[in-house]
Amino acid sequence: METDIQRIDMYDDGRFSKNVLYQHGAFLVNGKPYEIEVIDRCSAVVRGEDVSLYPELIDMFRFYAGHITRFVDKNGAMLLELPPVDIFMVGLDKIQPSQFYVDESKLKAVKTFIHRPEDIVIPVISDGDRFISLDGHTRLAAAMDFRYKEVCAFISEDSGNIHGFVSEARKRGIGTPYDMKRVGHDEYEVLWNKFCDDYFEKEEQI
């Protein structure tokens, strides 16, 4: 049977701890709750009923958090340890966003687990003497609110679609995280989801 893994995007679900929900580490695997909680810059704890499902869950989690390379179970026993990812500091003014909006409700949740610049680690690709952020735009907004000038980053795989998103961001005058527009959750869902739907619909017609 194929494993059904769903990531939980809400911040209020009694099946999971608040910390895990705020980190977006809550999942339903074949309908049952599983958690991956980040405990330091490269490590996370995996919790859930069926240990045999952990590899698939970890693989999905690392799509969002490729810098996490060390996974342990609830008792601290090693589950998986991958080669460490090279993490470096980059200035906010050197980052080109690939999104246009920041969800204010998500920003509030993200701020609960950020205490220093090193807590913000985002995937990027090179763009000349700058970098394009593939994810983590809410964390970049948090960095601005905390008056951080730099955050941590790691080089990730290039995605063909990302360049179309960046081109659109630049058309909208978004050249650094400081240019992103902050909106409420409902407005974010409408604006961002509509853009993504329209973008991929046009791509399919080409």
N, C-alpha and C. Protein backbone atom coordinates (compact mmCIF):
# COMPACT_ATOMS: atom_id res chain seq x y z
N MET A 1 0.84 -1.19 0.00
CA MET A 1 0.00 0.00 0.00
C MET A 1 0.88 1.25 0.00
N GLU A 2 0.54 2.21 -0.82
CA GLU A 2 1.30 3.45 -0.88
C GLU A 2 1.09 4.27 0.38
N THR A 3 2.17 4.83 0.88
CA THR A 3 2.09 5.63 2.11
C THR A 3 1.51 6.99 1.80
N ASP A 4 0.50 7.38 2.56
CA ASP A 4 -0.15 8.69 2.39
C ASP A 4 0.40 9.64 3.47
N ILE A 5 1.16 10.65 3.05
CA ILE A 5 1.75 11.60 3.99
C ILE A 5 1.21 13.00 3.69
N GLN A 6 0.61 13.61 4.70
CA GLN A 6 0.07 14.95 4.55
C GLN A 6 0.71 15.87 5.58
N ARG A 7 1.20 17.01 5.13
CA ARG A 7 1.80 17.98 6.04
C ARG A 7 0.70 18.90 6.59
N ILE A 8 0.71 19.13 7.89
CA ILE A 8 -0.29 19.98 8.53
C ILE A 8 0.18 21.43 8.50
N ASP A 9 -0.64 22.31 7.94
CA ASP A 9 -0.27 23.72 7.84
C ASP A 9 -0.96 24.61 8.86
N MET A 10 -1.83 24.03 9.69
CA MET A 10 -2.53 24.81 10.69
C MET A 10 -1.67 24.93 11.94
N TYR A 11 -2.06 25.87 12.82
CA TYR A 11 -1.31 26.09 14.05
C TYR A 11 -2.10 25.70 15.30
N ASP A 12 -3.26 25.11 15.09
CA ASP A 12 -4.10 24.71 16.22
C ASP A 12 -4.64 23.32 15.92
N ASP A 13 -4.00 22.30 16.47
CA ASP A 13 -4.40 20.91 16.28
C ASP A 13 -3.96 20.13 17.51
N GLY A 14 -4.91 19.66 18.29
CA GLY A 14 -4.62 19.01 19.56
C GLY A 14 -3.82 17.73 19.47
N ARG A 15 -3.65 17.20 18.27
CA ARG A 15 -2.87 15.97 18.12
C ARG A 15 -1.37 16.22 18.15
N PHE A 16 -0.96 17.50 18.06
CA PHE A 16 0.45 17.83 17.96
C PHE A 16 0.82 18.91 18.97
N SER A 17 2.10 18.96 19.34
CA SER A 17 2.57 20.02 20.22
C SER A 17 2.60 21.35 19.46
N LYS A 18 2.44 22.43 20.19
CA LYS A 18 2.45 23.76 19.57
C LYS A 18 3.78 24.03 18.87
N ASN A 19 4.87 23.63 19.53
CA ASN A 19 6.19 23.89 18.96
C ASN A 19 6.33 23.23 17.60
N VAL A 20 5.87 21.99 17.48
CA VAL A 20 5.95 21.27 16.22
C VAL A 20 5.05 21.92 15.17
N LEU A 21 3.87 22.34 15.56
CA LEU A 21 2.97 23.01 14.62
C LEU A 21 3.59 24.30 14.11
N TYR A 22 4.20 25.07 15.01
CA TYR A 22 4.82 26.33 14.60
C TYR A 22 6.01 26.09 13.67
N GLN A 23 6.68 24.95 13.84
CA GLN A 23 7.81 24.61 12.97
C GLN A 23 7.36 23.97 11.65
N HIS A 24 6.07 23.70 11.52
CA HIS A 24 5.53 22.98 10.36
C HIS A 24 6.14 21.58 10.26
N GLY A 25 6.29 20.94 11.44
CA GLY A 25 6.82 19.59 11.47
C GLY A 25 5.76 18.55 11.81
N ALA A 26 4.48 18.90 11.66
CA ALA A 26 3.38 17.99 11.97
C ALA A 26 2.88 17.33 10.68
N PHE A 27 2.68 16.01 10.75
CA PHE A 27 2.24 15.26 9.58
C PHE A 27 1.19 14.23 9.98
N LEU A 28 0.34 13.90 9.02
CA LEU A 28 -0.51 12.73 9.14
C LEU A 28 0.04 11.69 8.16
N VAL A 29 0.38 10.52 8.69
CA VAL A 29 0.91 9.43 7.87
C VAL A 29 -0.11 8.29 7.94
N ASN A 30 -0.72 8.03 6.79
CA ASN A 30 -1.82 7.06 6.74
C ASN A 30 -2.88 7.38 7.79
N GLY A 31 -3.10 8.68 7.97
CA GLY A 31 -4.15 9.15 8.87
C GLY A 31 -3.76 9.27 10.32
N LYS A 32 -2.53 8.90 10.67
CA LYS A 32 -2.10 8.95 12.07
C LYS A 32 -1.05 10.05 12.28
N PRO A 33 -1.02 10.67 13.47
CA PRO A 33 -0.11 11.80 13.71
C PRO A 33 1.35 11.37 13.89
N TYR A 34 2.23 12.09 13.20
CA TYR A 34 3.68 11.93 13.32
C TYR A 34 4.29 13.33 13.43
N GLU A 35 5.39 13.42 14.18
CA GLU A 35 6.04 14.71 14.39
C GLU A 35 7.52 14.64 14.06
N ILE A 36 8.02 15.73 13.48
CA ILE A 36 9.47 15.93 13.35
C ILE A 36 9.76 17.30 13.97
N GLU A 37 10.45 17.28 15.09
CA GLU A 37 10.74 18.52 15.81
C GLU A 37 12.22 18.86 15.72
N VAL A 38 12.51 20.03 15.15
CA VAL A 38 13.89 20.48 15.04
C VAL A 38 14.39 20.87 16.43
N ILE A 39 15.57 20.34 16.81
CA ILE A 39 16.10 20.62 18.14
C ILE A 39 17.39 21.42 18.11
N ASP A 40 18.04 21.48 16.97
CA ASP A 40 19.17 22.39 16.79
C ASP A 40 19.34 22.63 15.29
N ARG A 41 20.42 23.28 14.90
CA ARG A 41 20.55 23.74 13.52
C ARG A 41 20.59 22.61 12.50
N CYS A 42 20.94 21.39 12.92
CA CYS A 42 21.03 20.29 11.95
C CYS A 42 20.34 19.01 12.41
N SER A 43 19.66 19.03 13.57
CA SER A 43 19.10 17.80 14.14
C SER A 43 17.60 17.92 14.40
N ALA A 44 16.93 16.75 14.39
CA ALA A 44 15.50 16.72 14.67
C ALA A 44 15.13 15.39 15.30
N VAL A 45 14.04 15.42 16.08
CA VAL A 45 13.48 14.22 16.70
C VAL A 45 12.25 13.79 15.89
N VAL A 46 12.16 12.49 15.62
CA VAL A 46 11.01 11.95 14.89
C VAL A 46 10.15 11.14 15.86
N ARG A 47 8.86 11.38 15.85
CA ARG A 47 7.94 10.66 16.73
C ARG A 47 6.76 10.14 15.90
N GLY A 48 6.31 8.95 16.22
CA GLY A 48 5.18 8.38 15.53
C GLY A 48 5.11 6.89 15.76
N GLU A 49 3.98 6.31 15.45
CA GLU A 49 3.70 4.92 15.81
C GLU A 49 4.57 3.91 15.08
N ASP A 50 4.69 4.02 13.76
CA ASP A 50 5.33 2.99 12.94
C ASP A 50 6.70 3.47 12.47
N VAL A 51 7.75 2.92 13.06
CA VAL A 51 9.12 3.33 12.74
C VAL A 51 9.47 3.04 11.28
N SER A 52 8.84 2.02 10.69
CA SER A 52 9.14 1.66 9.31
C SER A 52 8.73 2.75 8.32
N LEU A 53 7.88 3.68 8.77
CA LEU A 53 7.44 4.77 7.90
C LEU A 53 8.33 6.01 8.02
N TYR A 54 9.24 6.00 8.98
CA TYR A 54 10.09 7.17 9.21
C TYR A 54 10.91 7.58 7.98
N PRO A 55 11.54 6.63 7.24
CA PRO A 55 12.36 7.06 6.09
C PRO A 55 11.59 7.91 5.08
N GLU A 56 10.37 7.51 4.74
CA GLU A 56 9.57 8.29 3.78
C GLU A 56 9.20 9.65 4.37
N LEU A 57 8.89 9.66 5.66
CA LEU A 57 8.52 10.91 6.31
C LEU A 57 9.72 11.87 6.35
N ILE A 58 10.87 11.34 6.70
CA ILE A 58 12.09 12.17 6.75
C ILE A 58 12.40 12.72 5.37
N ASP A 59 12.24 11.89 4.34
CA ASP A 59 12.51 12.33 2.97
C ASP A 59 11.62 13.50 2.59
N MET A 60 10.34 13.43 2.95
CA MET A 60 9.44 14.55 2.64
C MET A 60 9.82 15.78 3.46
N PHE A 61 10.15 15.57 4.72
CA PHE A 61 10.52 16.70 5.58
C PHE A 61 11.73 17.43 5.04
N ARG A 62 12.72 16.69 4.54
CA ARG A 62 13.94 17.31 4.05
C ARG A 62 13.72 18.08 2.75
N PHE A 63 12.60 17.87 2.09
CA PHE A 63 12.26 18.70 0.93
C PHE A 63 12.09 20.15 1.39
N TYR A 64 11.58 20.34 2.62
CA TYR A 64 11.37 21.67 3.17
C TYR A 64 12.55 22.14 4.02
N ALA A 65 13.32 21.20 4.55
CA ALA A 65 14.40 21.55 5.47
C ALA A 65 15.63 20.70 5.16
N GLY A 66 16.26 20.99 4.03
CA GLY A 66 17.39 20.20 3.58
C GLY A 66 18.62 20.30 4.44
N HIS A 67 18.66 21.30 5.32
CA HIS A 67 19.83 21.46 6.19
C HIS A 67 19.78 20.55 7.42
N ILE A 68 18.62 19.93 7.67
CA ILE A 68 18.52 18.98 8.77
C ILE A 68 19.01 17.62 8.28
N THR A 69 20.10 17.17 8.86
CA THR A 69 20.77 15.95 8.37
C THR A 69 20.91 14.86 9.43
N ARG A 70 20.48 15.15 10.65
CA ARG A 70 20.62 14.17 11.74
C ARG A 70 19.25 13.97 12.40
N PHE A 71 18.78 12.71 12.39
CA PHE A 71 17.46 12.41 12.92
C PHE A 71 17.56 11.31 13.99
N VAL A 72 16.90 11.56 15.13
CA VAL A 72 16.88 10.60 16.23
C VAL A 72 15.44 10.30 16.61
N ASP A 73 15.22 9.18 17.31
CA ASP A 73 13.88 8.89 17.78
C ASP A 73 13.64 9.54 19.14
N LYS A 74 12.48 9.29 19.73
CA LYS A 74 12.10 9.97 20.96
C LYS A 74 13.01 9.62 22.13
N ASN A 75 13.75 8.50 22.01
CA ASN A 75 14.68 8.09 23.06
C ASN A 75 16.12 8.52 22.79
N GLY A 76 16.32 9.24 21.68
CA GLY A 76 17.65 9.72 21.34
C GLY A 76 18.47 8.77 20.50
N ALA A 77 17.89 7.63 20.11
CA ALA A 77 18.61 6.66 19.27
C ALA A 77 18.70 7.18 17.83
N MET A 78 19.85 7.00 17.20
CA MET A 78 20.06 7.51 15.86
C MET A 78 19.20 6.77 14.84
N LEU A 79 18.51 7.53 14.03
CA LEU A 79 17.71 6.97 12.94
C LEU A 79 18.42 7.14 11.60
N LEU A 80 18.98 8.33 11.38
CA LEU A 80 19.63 8.64 10.11
C LEU A 80 20.59 9.80 10.33
N GLU A 81 21.78 9.66 9.79
CA GLU A 81 22.75 10.75 9.83
C GLU A 81 23.37 10.89 8.44
N LEU A 82 23.13 12.01 7.81
CA LEU A 82 23.62 12.30 6.47
C LEU A 82 24.82 13.24 6.56
N PRO A 83 25.60 13.35 5.49
CA PRO A 83 26.71 14.32 5.50
C PRO A 83 26.18 15.73 5.78
N PRO A 84 26.88 16.49 6.60
CA PRO A 84 26.41 17.85 6.92
C PRO A 84 26.37 18.75 5.69
N VAL A 85 25.44 19.67 5.72
CA VAL A 85 25.28 20.65 4.65
C VAL A 85 26.09 21.89 4.99
N ASP A 86 26.74 22.45 4.01
CA ASP A 86 27.53 23.67 4.23
C ASP A 86 26.59 24.86 4.42
N ILE A 87 26.60 25.42 5.62
CA ILE A 87 25.74 26.55 5.96
C ILE A 87 26.60 27.80 6.10
N PHE A 88 26.15 28.90 5.51
CA PHE A 88 26.92 30.14 5.52
C PHE A 88 25.99 31.32 5.82
N MET A 89 26.57 32.43 6.23
CA MET A 89 25.80 33.64 6.51
C MET A 89 25.67 34.47 5.23
N VAL A 90 24.51 35.04 5.05
CA VAL A 90 24.27 35.91 3.89
C VAL A 90 23.45 37.11 4.33
N GLY A 91 23.77 38.29 3.79
CA GLY A 91 23.04 39.49 4.14
C GLY A 91 21.66 39.52 3.51
N LEU A 92 20.69 40.06 4.22
CA LEU A 92 19.33 40.14 3.69
C LEU A 92 19.30 40.91 2.37
N ASP A 93 20.17 41.91 2.25
CA ASP A 93 20.17 42.71 1.03
C ASP A 93 20.78 41.97 -0.16
N LYS A 94 21.31 40.77 0.08
CA LYS A 94 21.88 39.96 -0.98
C LYS A 94 20.91 38.86 -1.44
N ILE A 95 19.69 38.88 -0.91
CA ILE A 95 18.72 37.81 -1.18
C ILE A 95 17.59 38.33 -2.07
N GLN A 96 17.37 37.64 -3.17
CA GLN A 96 16.25 37.92 -4.06
C GLN A 96 15.11 36.96 -3.74
N PRO A 97 13.97 37.47 -3.25
CA PRO A 97 12.84 36.58 -2.94
C PRO A 97 12.23 35.99 -4.21
N SER A 98 11.60 34.84 -4.04
CA SER A 98 10.83 34.24 -5.12
C SER A 98 9.34 34.24 -4.78
N GLN A 99 8.99 34.91 -3.70
CA GLN A 99 7.59 35.12 -3.33
C GLN A 99 7.35 36.61 -3.16
N PHE A 100 6.08 36.98 -3.12
CA PHE A 100 5.72 38.40 -3.06
C PHE A 100 5.09 38.81 -1.73
N TYR A 101 4.47 37.84 -1.06
CA TYR A 101 3.67 38.14 0.13
C TYR A 101 4.18 37.40 1.36
N VAL A 102 3.88 37.97 2.51
CA VAL A 102 4.16 37.33 3.80
C VAL A 102 2.84 37.21 4.55
N ASP A 103 2.53 36.00 5.00
CA ASP A 103 1.32 35.72 5.78
C ASP A 103 1.58 36.16 7.22
N GLU A 104 0.86 37.18 7.69
CA GLU A 104 1.12 37.74 9.02
C GLU A 104 0.85 36.74 10.14
N SER A 105 -0.13 35.85 9.96
CA SER A 105 -0.40 34.86 11.01
C SER A 105 0.71 33.82 11.08
N LYS A 106 1.24 33.43 9.92
CA LYS A 106 2.36 32.51 9.89
C LYS A 106 3.60 33.17 10.48
N LEU A 107 3.78 34.45 10.21
CA LEU A 107 4.92 35.19 10.73
C LEU A 107 4.90 35.18 12.26
N LYS A 108 3.74 35.37 12.83
CA LYS A 108 3.61 35.37 14.29
C LYS A 108 4.04 34.02 14.87
N ALA A 109 3.65 32.93 14.21
CA ALA A 109 4.02 31.60 14.68
C ALA A 109 5.51 31.36 14.54
N VAL A 110 6.07 31.74 13.42
CA VAL A 110 7.50 31.52 13.16
C VAL A 110 8.36 32.24 14.18
N LYS A 111 7.94 33.40 14.62
CA LYS A 111 8.74 34.19 15.57
C LYS A 111 8.91 33.49 16.92
N THR A 112 8.05 32.51 17.21
CA THR A 112 8.13 31.85 18.51
C THR A 112 9.37 30.98 18.66
N PHE A 113 9.97 30.54 17.56
CA PHE A 113 11.15 29.67 17.69
C PHE A 113 12.41 30.31 17.10
N ILE A 114 12.39 31.62 16.88
CA ILE A 114 13.57 32.32 16.40
C ILE A 114 14.11 33.20 17.53
N HIS A 115 15.36 32.96 17.92
CA HIS A 115 15.96 33.71 19.02
C HIS A 115 17.28 34.37 18.63
N ARG A 116 17.81 34.03 17.46
CA ARG A 116 19.08 34.60 16.99
C ARG A 116 19.15 34.37 15.48
N PRO A 117 20.02 35.07 14.77
CA PRO A 117 20.10 34.90 13.32
C PRO A 117 20.37 33.47 12.88
N GLU A 118 21.12 32.72 13.68
CA GLU A 118 21.45 31.35 13.32
C GLU A 118 20.24 30.41 13.33
N ASP A 119 19.13 30.85 13.92
CA ASP A 119 17.92 30.04 13.92
C ASP A 119 17.19 30.10 12.58
N ILE A 120 17.61 31.00 11.72
CA ILE A 120 16.99 31.15 10.41
C ILE A 120 17.92 30.55 9.36
N VAL A 121 17.49 29.44 8.77
CA VAL A 121 18.29 28.75 7.75
C VAL A 121 17.41 28.55 6.52
N ILE A 122 17.81 29.12 5.40
CA ILE A 122 16.97 29.06 4.21
C ILE A 122 17.72 28.43 3.03
N PRO A 123 16.99 27.75 2.14
CA PRO A 123 17.61 27.20 0.93
C PRO A 123 17.71 28.27 -0.15
N VAL A 124 18.86 28.34 -0.82
CA VAL A 124 19.07 29.35 -1.85
C VAL A 124 19.78 28.73 -3.05
N ILE A 125 19.76 29.46 -4.16
CA ILE A 125 20.62 29.15 -5.30
C ILE A 125 21.37 30.43 -5.64
N SER A 126 22.52 30.26 -6.26
CA SER A 126 23.34 31.42 -6.61
C SER A 126 22.69 32.23 -7.72
N ASP A 127 22.90 33.54 -7.67
CA ASP A 127 22.37 34.45 -8.69
C ASP A 127 23.40 35.56 -8.89
N GLY A 128 24.51 35.21 -9.58
CA GLY A 128 25.60 36.16 -9.70
C GLY A 128 26.26 36.37 -8.36
N ASP A 129 26.32 37.62 -7.90
CA ASP A 129 26.89 37.90 -6.59
C ASP A 129 25.80 37.96 -5.51
N ARG A 130 24.60 37.50 -5.86
CA ARG A 130 23.49 37.47 -4.91
C ARG A 130 22.94 36.04 -4.85
N PHE A 131 21.83 35.87 -4.12
CA PHE A 131 21.21 34.55 -3.98
C PHE A 131 19.70 34.68 -4.14
N ILE A 132 19.09 33.63 -4.66
CA ILE A 132 17.63 33.55 -4.76
C ILE A 132 17.13 32.63 -3.65
N SER A 133 16.18 33.09 -2.87
CA SER A 133 15.61 32.26 -1.80
C SER A 133 14.52 31.37 -2.39
N LEU A 134 14.64 30.07 -2.14
CA LEU A 134 13.67 29.11 -2.64
C LEU A 134 12.51 28.91 -1.67
N ASP A 135 12.76 29.16 -0.40
CA ASP A 135 11.77 28.96 0.65
C ASP A 135 12.19 29.81 1.84
N GLY A 136 11.37 29.82 2.89
CA GLY A 136 11.75 30.52 4.11
C GLY A 136 11.47 32.01 4.09
N HIS A 137 10.54 32.46 3.26
CA HIS A 137 10.29 33.90 3.15
C HIS A 137 9.67 34.48 4.43
N THR A 138 8.90 33.67 5.14
CA THR A 138 8.35 34.14 6.42
C THR A 138 9.47 34.33 7.43
N ARG A 139 10.45 33.43 7.42
CA ARG A 139 11.60 33.56 8.31
C ARG A 139 12.42 34.81 7.96
N LEU A 140 12.48 35.15 6.69
CA LEU A 140 13.19 36.37 6.29
C LEU A 140 12.46 37.60 6.82
N ALA A 141 11.14 37.57 6.80
CA ALA A 141 10.36 38.68 7.36
C ALA A 141 10.60 38.79 8.87
N ALA A 142 10.69 37.64 9.53
CA ALA A 142 10.99 37.65 10.97
C ALA A 142 12.36 38.26 11.23
N ALA A 143 13.33 37.93 10.38
CA ALA A 143 14.67 38.50 10.52
C ALA A 143 14.62 40.02 10.45
N MET A 144 13.81 40.53 9.56
CA MET A 144 13.68 42.00 9.46
C MET A 144 13.10 42.59 10.74
N ASP A 145 12.07 41.93 11.27
CA ASP A 145 11.44 42.44 12.49
C ASP A 145 12.39 42.40 13.68
N PHE A 146 13.27 41.40 13.70
CA PHE A 146 14.25 41.29 14.77
C PHE A 146 15.51 42.12 14.49
N ARG A 147 15.50 42.81 13.37
CA ARG A 147 16.61 43.70 12.96
C ARG A 147 17.92 42.93 12.72
N TYR A 148 17.78 41.68 12.27
CA TYR A 148 18.97 40.93 11.86
C TYR A 148 19.39 41.42 10.48
N LYS A 149 20.65 41.56 10.27
CA LYS A 149 21.18 41.95 8.96
C LYS A 149 21.55 40.74 8.11
N GLU A 150 21.81 39.60 8.78
CA GLU A 150 22.21 38.38 8.10
C GLU A 150 21.40 37.19 8.61
N VAL A 151 21.29 36.17 7.78
CA VAL A 151 20.69 34.90 8.18
C VAL A 151 21.57 33.78 7.63
N CYS A 152 21.27 32.55 8.02
CA CYS A 152 22.00 31.40 7.51
C CYS A 152 21.33 30.88 6.24
N ALA A 153 22.16 30.33 5.36
CA ALA A 153 21.64 29.77 4.12
C ALA A 153 22.47 28.57 3.70
N PHE A 154 21.90 27.76 2.81
CA PHE A 154 22.63 26.66 2.21
C PHE A 154 22.21 26.55 0.74
N ILE A 155 23.13 26.09 -0.09
CA ILE A 155 22.84 25.95 -1.51
C ILE A 155 21.98 24.72 -1.74
N SER A 156 20.87 24.92 -2.44
CA SER A 156 19.93 23.85 -2.73
C SER A 156 19.88 23.60 -4.23
N GLU A 157 19.06 22.65 -4.65
CA GLU A 157 18.93 22.34 -6.07
C GLU A 157 18.10 23.40 -6.77
N ASP A 158 18.54 23.74 -7.97
CA ASP A 158 17.82 24.71 -8.79
C ASP A 158 16.50 24.10 -9.26
N SER A 159 15.46 24.92 -9.26
CA SER A 159 14.16 24.50 -9.77
C SER A 159 13.82 25.36 -10.97
N GLY A 160 13.49 24.73 -12.07
CA GLY A 160 13.22 25.49 -13.29
C GLY A 160 12.14 26.54 -13.11
N ASN A 161 11.10 26.21 -12.34
CA ASN A 161 9.99 27.15 -12.17
C ASN A 161 10.38 28.38 -11.36
N ILE A 162 11.42 28.25 -10.53
CA ILE A 162 11.73 29.35 -9.61
C ILE A 162 12.10 30.62 -10.36
N HIS A 163 12.68 30.48 -11.54
CA HIS A 163 13.12 31.66 -12.28
C HIS A 163 11.92 32.46 -12.81
N GLY A 164 10.84 31.77 -13.12
CA GLY A 164 9.62 32.48 -13.51
C GLY A 164 9.03 33.26 -12.36
N PHE A 165 9.09 32.69 -11.17
CA PHE A 165 8.60 33.37 -9.98
C PHE A 165 9.47 34.59 -9.67
N VAL A 166 10.78 34.43 -9.82
CA VAL A 166 11.70 35.54 -9.56
C VAL A 166 11.47 36.67 -10.57
N SER A 167 11.26 36.30 -11.83
CA SER A 167 11.00 37.32 -12.85
C SER A 167 9.76 38.13 -12.50
N GLU A 168 8.73 37.44 -12.03
CA GLU A 168 7.50 38.13 -11.64
C GLU A 168 7.72 39.00 -10.42
N ALA A 169 8.52 38.50 -9.47
CA ALA A 169 8.82 39.30 -8.28
C ALA A 169 9.52 40.60 -8.66
N ARG A 170 10.47 40.51 -9.56
CA ARG A 170 11.19 41.71 -9.99
C ARG A 170 10.29 42.68 -10.72
N LYS A 171 9.34 42.17 -11.50
CA LYS A 171 8.37 43.04 -12.17
C LYS A 171 7.54 43.83 -11.16
N ARG A 172 7.34 43.21 -10.00
CA ARG A 172 6.53 43.84 -8.95
C ARG A 172 7.39 44.71 -8.02
N GLY A 173 8.67 44.87 -8.36
CA GLY A 173 9.54 45.72 -7.56
C GLY A 173 10.08 45.05 -6.32
N ILE A 174 10.08 43.72 -6.31
CA ILE A 174 10.57 42.97 -5.15
C ILE A 174 11.97 42.47 -5.45
N GLY A 175 12.97 43.14 -4.87
CA GLY A 175 14.35 42.79 -5.13
C GLY A 175 15.09 42.29 -3.90
N THR A 176 14.51 42.55 -2.72
CA THR A 176 15.05 42.06 -1.46
C THR A 176 13.87 41.70 -0.55
N PRO A 177 14.12 41.00 0.55
CA PRO A 177 13.02 40.69 1.48
C PRO A 177 12.30 41.93 2.00
N TYR A 178 12.98 43.06 2.03
CA TYR A 178 12.37 44.29 2.53
C TYR A 178 11.20 44.75 1.67
N ASP A 179 11.12 44.24 0.45
CA ASP A 179 10.09 44.68 -0.50
C ASP A 179 8.82 43.83 -0.45
N MET A 180 8.85 42.70 0.28
CA MET A 180 7.69 41.82 0.29
C MET A 180 6.52 42.48 1.03
N LYS A 181 5.31 42.21 0.54
CA LYS A 181 4.10 42.80 1.12
C LYS A 181 3.51 41.88 2.19
N ARG A 182 3.15 42.45 3.33
CA ARG A 182 2.55 41.67 4.41
C ARG A 182 1.03 41.76 4.33
N VAL A 183 0.39 40.60 4.41
CA VAL A 183 -1.07 40.54 4.31
C VAL A 183 -1.61 39.56 5.34
N GLY A 184 -2.91 39.66 5.61
CA GLY A 184 -3.56 38.72 6.51
C GLY A 184 -3.64 37.33 5.88
N HIS A 185 -3.94 36.33 6.72
CA HIS A 185 -3.92 34.95 6.24
C HIS A 185 -4.89 34.71 5.09
N ASP A 186 -6.12 35.19 5.23
CA ASP A 186 -7.12 34.96 4.18
C ASP A 186 -6.71 35.63 2.88
N GLU A 187 -6.18 36.85 2.98
CA GLU A 187 -5.75 37.55 1.78
C GLU A 187 -4.55 36.84 1.14
N TYR A 188 -3.66 36.34 1.98
CA TYR A 188 -2.50 35.60 1.47
C TYR A 188 -2.96 34.37 0.67
N GLU A 189 -3.91 33.63 1.25
CA GLU A 189 -4.40 32.43 0.58
C GLU A 189 -4.96 32.75 -0.80
N VAL A 190 -5.68 33.86 -0.89
CA VAL A 190 -6.28 34.26 -2.18
C VAL A 190 -5.21 34.73 -3.15
N LEU A 191 -4.37 35.67 -2.70
CA LEU A 191 -3.40 36.29 -3.60
C LEU A 191 -2.34 35.30 -4.07
N TRP A 192 -1.72 34.60 -3.14
CA TRP A 192 -0.60 33.72 -3.52
C TRP A 192 -1.09 32.47 -4.25
N ASN A 193 -2.15 31.85 -3.74
CA ASN A 193 -2.66 30.65 -4.39
C ASN A 193 -3.18 30.94 -5.79
N LYS A 194 -3.82 32.11 -5.96
CA LYS A 194 -4.31 32.46 -7.30
C LYS A 194 -3.15 32.67 -8.26
N PHE A 195 -2.09 33.35 -7.78
CA PHE A 195 -0.94 33.55 -8.65
C PHE A 195 -0.35 32.21 -9.07
N CYS A 196 -0.15 31.30 -8.11
CA CYS A 196 0.44 30.00 -8.41
C CYS A 196 -0.43 29.21 -9.39
N ASP A 197 -1.75 29.22 -9.15
CA ASP A 197 -2.65 28.49 -10.05
C ASP A 197 -2.58 29.05 -11.46
N ASP A 198 -2.62 30.38 -11.57
CA ASP A 198 -2.57 31.02 -12.89
C ASP A 198 -1.23 30.76 -13.57
N TYR A 199 -0.15 30.80 -12.78
CA TYR A 199 1.18 30.61 -13.35
C TYR A 199 1.33 29.20 -13.94
N PHE A 200 0.95 28.20 -13.19
CA PHE A 200 1.12 26.82 -13.66
C PHE A 200 0.13 26.49 -14.78
N GLU A 201 -1.02 27.15 -14.79
CA GLU A 201 -1.95 26.95 -15.89
C GLU A 201 -1.36 27.48 -17.21
N LYS A 202 -0.69 28.64 -17.13
CA LYS A 202 -0.04 29.19 -18.32
C LYS A 202 1.11 28.29 -18.77
N GLU A 203 1.86 27.74 -17.80
CA GLU A 203 2.97 26.87 -18.14
C GLU A 203 2.50 25.64 -18.90
N GLU A 204 1.34 25.10 -18.50
CA GLU A 204 0.82 23.91 -19.15
C GLU A 204 0.39 24.19 -20.58
N GLN A 205 0.02 25.46 -20.83
CA GLN A 205 -0.45 25.83 -22.18
C GLN A 205 0.70 26.11 -23.15
N ILE A 206 1.91 26.27 -22.61
CA ILE A 206 3.06 26.57 -23.48
C ILE A 206 3.56 25.31 -24.19
